[in-house]
Amino acid sequence: MLRVSKWLTPLLSHHRSRLTIPAFPTRANTRSISPPGPISRRDVQRFDLLLVDANYGMAPSFAGHELPTQVKFEFPVAAVTGKGSPFVAGVGPAKVGLKFNFYSNERKGVSVSFYPQFEFAGSGSVEKGFAEPGQTLILPLLVSREFRYLTFVANGAVNAPIHDPGRGTGGTFGVGFGRAMRRKLAAMLEVHAESTFDLIRDRLVTLNGGVIRGVGRYLVYANVGRSLFSDDGVGHTFVGLGLKVLLTPSAHSP
């Protein structure tokens, strides 16, 4: 049986964007950016075409207890386009992070993780509009609970910009449900919201749903999302596909 909580927790949105964040690894994120010329802000958008997300699991010991930890590195292949602006692709902002699963109770089906991340981008990416100036410290907390017929996941995060006074500190919150439909097939649904803490900028609410199928070391995702509310006042629909490959190091005998 495909264990839903194992895959639903990391797939839920736990970081910021400007217009949308679907719930799965391969995202079609879009956001308005500040163009260098007199073009209207709403006439230029950035799209994340492909997300490369690498994770490595380990279990270091602290005070005699193992702490399951996941090292993360990701970056998007982004594009910028709009009225009077050509379609240009490049590398967007990268993220590095550590996920600490500091509480896990298999009997109750409860797991709690802290997932600090640091987002940054090169000056070339900022100049071309693939990323915003400065860096961002992202501090998410993820909680999951397995029930008899479904898995529930909730996460919230604080997004604090660094070296960019034009952006305000914001927060994100999401809740999701997953259910195994067959032995290797699961369905998931998520509601995600984000805004600056003053509740007047970067506001977004999305609804995302999809399926995941596991075949050996491969997991295939498909999802569709719809913005329920966004600052630009326009509804957005998103469709995504993704592939996750699980690599397990071989154990070598001494």
Protein backbone atom coordinates (compact mmCIF):
# COMPACT_ATOMS: atom_id res chain seq x y z
CA MET A 1 0.00 0.00 0.00
CA LEU A 2 1.30 3.49 -0.89
CA ARG A 3 1.80 5.31 2.40
CA VAL A 4 0.08 8.65 1.82
CA SER A 5 1.68 10.59 4.69
CA LYS A 6 5.17 9.75 3.44
CA TRP A 7 4.55 11.70 0.23
CA LEU A 8 1.77 14.14 1.08
CA THR A 9 3.76 16.04 3.74
CA PRO A 10 6.67 17.19 1.54
CA LEU A 11 4.40 17.83 -1.43
CA LEU A 12 2.27 20.41 0.33
CA SER A 13 3.19 24.01 -0.35
CA HIS A 14 5.47 25.42 2.32
CA HIS A 15 7.14 28.37 0.68
CA ARG A 16 6.11 31.63 -0.90
CA SER A 17 5.45 32.87 -4.40
CA ARG A 18 3.58 35.85 -5.76
CA LEU A 19 0.64 34.37 -7.64
CA THR A 20 0.34 30.69 -7.05
CA ILE A 21 1.86 27.60 -5.52
CA PRO A 22 0.46 24.28 -6.64
CA ALA A 23 0.85 21.34 -4.30
CA PHE A 24 3.28 19.13 -6.16
CA PRO A 25 7.02 19.13 -6.93
CA THR A 26 6.78 20.22 -10.57
CA ARG A 27 5.06 23.59 -10.35
CA ALA A 28 3.80 26.17 -12.82
CA ASN A 29 4.23 29.13 -10.52
CA THR A 30 3.60 32.61 -11.87
CA ARG A 31 4.05 36.01 -10.32
CA SER A 32 4.12 39.65 -11.36
CA ILE A 33 7.50 41.31 -11.31
CA SER A 34 8.76 44.88 -11.47
CA PRO A 35 9.91 45.50 -15.05
CA PRO A 36 12.97 47.70 -15.68
CA GLY A 37 11.11 49.95 -18.11
CA PRO A 38 7.77 51.79 -18.26
CA ILE A 39 5.81 48.53 -18.81
CA SER A 40 2.96 47.99 -16.37
CA ARG A 41 3.70 45.60 -13.49
CA ARG A 42 0.69 43.49 -14.43
CA ASP A 43 1.91 43.19 -18.05
CA VAL A 44 5.04 41.18 -17.11
CA GLN A 45 4.98 37.81 -15.40
CA ARG A 46 7.49 35.20 -14.31
CA PHE A 47 6.76 31.50 -14.81
CA ASP A 48 8.50 28.57 -13.14
CA LEU A 49 8.60 26.03 -15.97
CA LEU A 50 10.44 23.26 -14.14
CA LEU A 51 11.45 22.71 -10.53
CA VAL A 52 14.58 20.68 -9.78
CA ASP A 53 14.29 19.44 -6.19
CA ALA A 54 17.01 17.19 -4.69
CA ASN A 55 16.70 15.72 -1.17
CA TYR A 56 19.03 13.53 0.87
CA GLY A 57 17.94 11.75 4.04
CA MET A 58 20.09 10.93 7.04
CA ALA A 59 19.67 10.21 10.76
CA PRO A 60 22.27 11.96 12.97
CA SER A 61 22.29 11.20 16.70
CA PHE A 62 21.77 13.84 19.37
CA ALA A 63 21.97 12.95 23.07
CA GLY A 64 21.65 9.28 22.19
CA HIS A 65 18.56 9.73 20.00
CA GLU A 66 18.34 9.64 16.22
CA LEU A 67 16.91 12.74 14.53
CA PRO A 68 15.61 11.95 11.02
CA THR A 69 16.87 14.80 8.85
CA GLN A 70 16.45 15.71 5.20
CA VAL A 71 18.87 17.98 3.32
CA LYS A 72 17.21 19.91 0.52
CA PHE A 73 18.39 21.88 -2.52
CA GLU A 74 16.05 23.17 -5.21
CA PHE A 75 15.95 25.70 -8.02
CA PRO A 76 13.44 26.49 -10.78
CA VAL A 77 13.98 26.95 -14.48
CA ALA A 78 12.05 30.19 -14.92
CA ALA A 79 10.87 32.37 -17.78
CA VAL A 80 9.79 35.98 -18.11
CA THR A 81 7.31 37.23 -20.69
CA GLY A 82 4.66 39.89 -21.18
CA LYS A 83 3.44 42.69 -23.39
CA GLY A 84 6.38 44.30 -25.12
CA SER A 85 8.76 41.83 -23.47
CA PRO A 86 10.27 38.76 -25.21
CA PHE A 87 10.10 35.26 -23.74
CA VAL A 88 13.36 34.73 -21.82
CA ALA A 89 14.29 31.63 -19.77
CA GLY A 90 16.90 31.15 -17.06
CA VAL A 91 17.55 29.93 -13.52
CA GLY A 92 15.35 31.31 -10.75
CA PRO A 93 16.03 31.63 -7.02
CA ALA A 94 17.56 28.59 -5.31
CA LYS A 95 16.73 27.20 -1.88
CA VAL A 96 18.76 25.20 0.61
CA GLY A 97 17.22 23.78 3.75
CA LEU A 98 17.09 21.13 6.45
CA LYS A 99 13.98 19.24 7.49
CA PHE A 100 14.07 17.95 11.08
CA ASN A 101 11.44 15.35 11.97
CA PHE A 102 11.75 15.99 15.69
CA TYR A 103 8.55 14.21 16.76
CA SER A 104 7.11 10.98 15.41
CA ASN A 105 4.56 8.71 17.07
CA GLU A 106 3.75 5.77 14.81
CA ARG A 107 1.16 4.39 17.24
CA LYS A 108 -0.89 7.61 17.03
CA GLY A 109 0.15 8.38 13.45
CA VAL A 110 1.44 11.85 14.34
CA SER A 111 4.55 13.51 12.92
CA VAL A 112 5.91 17.05 13.42
CA SER A 113 8.76 18.57 11.40
CA PHE A 114 10.63 21.88 11.33
CA TYR A 115 11.86 22.86 7.87
CA PRO A 116 14.09 26.00 7.82
CA GLN A 117 15.14 27.14 4.35
CA PHE A 118 17.21 29.94 2.83
CA GLU A 119 16.34 31.36 -0.60
CA PHE A 120 18.88 33.28 -2.68
CA ALA A 121 19.63 34.23 -6.28
CA GLY A 122 22.54 35.55 -8.30
CA SER A 123 22.67 39.14 -9.49
CA GLY A 124 22.15 38.01 -13.09
CA SER A 125 18.87 36.30 -12.21
CA VAL A 126 17.66 39.43 -10.41
CA GLU A 127 18.59 41.72 -13.31
CA LYS A 128 16.72 39.51 -15.82
CA GLY A 129 13.61 39.32 -13.63
CA PHE A 130 13.92 35.65 -12.65
CA ALA A 131 14.24 36.50 -8.96
CA GLU A 132 13.71 39.34 -6.51
CA PRO A 133 16.55 41.25 -4.81
CA GLY A 134 17.91 40.07 -1.48
CA GLN A 135 17.35 36.76 0.21
CA THR A 136 14.51 35.13 2.15
CA LEU A 137 14.57 33.15 5.38
CA ILE A 138 11.70 30.63 5.38
CA LEU A 139 10.65 28.94 8.63
CA PRO A 140 7.92 26.31 8.11
CA LEU A 141 6.38 23.90 10.61
CA LEU A 142 4.66 20.77 9.25
CA VAL A 143 2.24 18.52 11.15
CA SER A 144 0.69 15.31 9.82
CA ARG A 145 -1.82 12.89 11.30
CA GLU A 146 -2.84 9.53 9.87
CA PHE A 147 -6.45 8.48 10.32
CA ARG A 148 -8.11 5.23 9.32
CA TYR A 149 -9.30 6.40 5.92
CA LEU A 150 -7.17 9.46 5.16
CA THR A 151 -4.09 11.48 6.08
CA PHE A 152 -4.30 15.10 7.24
CA VAL A 153 -1.40 17.54 6.88
CA ALA A 154 -1.13 21.18 7.99
CA ASN A 155 1.78 23.56 7.61
CA GLY A 156 2.50 27.19 8.35
CA ALA A 157 5.56 29.30 7.62
CA VAL A 158 7.09 32.71 8.24
CA ASN A 159 8.83 34.25 5.21
CA ALA A 160 11.29 36.97 6.25
CA PRO A 161 13.03 38.97 3.46
CA ILE A 162 16.67 39.98 3.94
CA HIS A 163 18.39 42.91 2.24
CA ASP A 164 15.21 43.92 0.43
CA PRO A 165 13.20 46.66 2.16
CA GLY A 166 10.62 46.60 -0.64
CA ARG A 167 9.22 43.27 0.56
CA GLY A 168 7.36 42.73 3.81
CA THR A 169 7.50 39.75 6.14
CA GLY A 170 4.70 37.37 5.35
CA GLY A 171 3.20 34.04 6.21
CA THR A 172 1.74 31.00 4.51
CA PHE A 173 -0.69 28.37 5.71
CA GLY A 174 -1.95 25.22 4.08
CA VAL A 175 -4.05 22.18 4.92
CA GLY A 176 -4.27 19.01 2.89
CA PHE A 177 -5.93 15.62 2.82
CA GLY A 178 -4.72 12.46 1.15
CA ARG A 179 -6.22 9.02 0.68
CA ALA A 180 -4.85 5.82 -0.82
CA MET A 181 -7.26 4.74 -3.56
CA ARG A 182 -5.41 1.58 -4.54
CA ARG A 183 -2.20 -0.16 -3.56
CA LYS A 184 -0.01 2.24 -5.57
CA LEU A 185 -2.37 5.15 -6.20
CA ALA A 186 -3.34 8.05 -3.91
CA ALA A 187 -5.42 11.22 -4.31
CA MET A 188 -4.78 14.52 -2.57
CA LEU A 189 -6.48 17.88 -2.01
CA GLU A 190 -4.97 21.09 -0.58
CA VAL A 191 -6.08 24.60 0.32
CA HIS A 192 -3.25 27.13 0.53
CA ALA A 193 -3.22 30.78 1.64
CA GLU A 194 -0.49 33.40 1.92
CA SER A 195 -0.12 37.12 2.62
CA THR A 196 2.13 39.66 4.22
CA PHE A 197 1.42 40.05 7.93
CA ASP A 198 -0.34 43.38 7.32
CA LEU A 199 -2.89 41.44 5.19
CA ILE A 200 -2.80 44.00 2.37
CA ARG A 201 -0.07 42.67 0.03
CA ASP A 202 0.85 39.44 -1.73
CA ARG A 203 -2.49 37.84 -0.87
CA LEU A 204 -3.36 34.53 -2.46
CA VAL A 205 -5.69 31.61 -1.81
CA THR A 206 -5.52 28.47 -3.98
CA LEU A 207 -7.22 25.10 -4.19
CA ASN A 208 -5.14 22.22 -5.54
CA GLY A 209 -5.94 18.58 -6.19
CA GLY A 210 -4.22 15.68 -7.84
CA VAL A 211 -3.05 12.09 -7.85
CA ILE A 212 0.22 10.29 -7.22
CA ARG A 213 1.19 6.84 -8.45
CA GLY A 214 4.17 4.86 -7.24
CA VAL A 215 5.94 2.27 -9.40
CA GLY A 216 9.10 0.89 -7.81
CA ARG A 217 11.48 3.77 -7.16
CA TYR A 218 9.46 6.14 -9.38
CA LEU A 219 6.53 8.33 -8.37
CA VAL A 220 4.47 10.18 -10.96
CA TYR A 221 2.32 13.19 -10.07
CA ALA A 222 -0.47 15.03 -11.83
CA ASN A 223 -2.33 18.02 -10.40
CA VAL A 224 -4.62 20.89 -11.24
CA GLY A 225 -5.06 24.08 -9.21
CA ARG A 226 -7.25 27.15 -9.20
CA SER A 227 -6.74 30.48 -7.47
CA LEU A 228 -9.77 31.37 -5.34
CA PHE A 229 -8.44 34.85 -4.57
CA SER A 230 -5.41 36.87 -5.69
CA ASP A 231 -4.33 40.50 -5.51
CA ASP A 232 -4.62 41.00 -9.27
CA GLY A 233 -8.33 40.13 -9.16
CA VAL A 234 -7.98 37.55 -11.95
CA GLY A 235 -8.61 33.80 -11.61
CA HIS A 236 -5.79 31.47 -12.59
CA THR A 237 -5.88 27.77 -13.48
CA PHE A 238 -2.76 25.60 -13.29
CA VAL A 239 -1.94 22.10 -14.50
CA GLY A 240 1.23 20.26 -13.55
CA LEU A 241 3.05 16.95 -14.03
CA GLY A 242 5.97 15.65 -12.00
CA LEU A 243 8.34 12.74 -11.59
CA LYS A 244 10.18 11.77 -8.40
CA VAL A 245 13.02 9.23 -8.41
CA LEU A 246 14.02 7.53 -5.16
CA LEU A 247 17.70 6.57 -4.91
CA THR A 248 18.73 4.31 -2.02
CA PRO A 249 22.48 3.98 -1.38
CA SER A 250 23.69 0.38 -1.33
CA ALA A 251 24.86 -0.93 2.02
CA HIS A 252 28.49 -2.11 1.87
CA SER A 253 29.65 -4.81 4.20
CA PRO A 254 32.94 -4.09 6.03
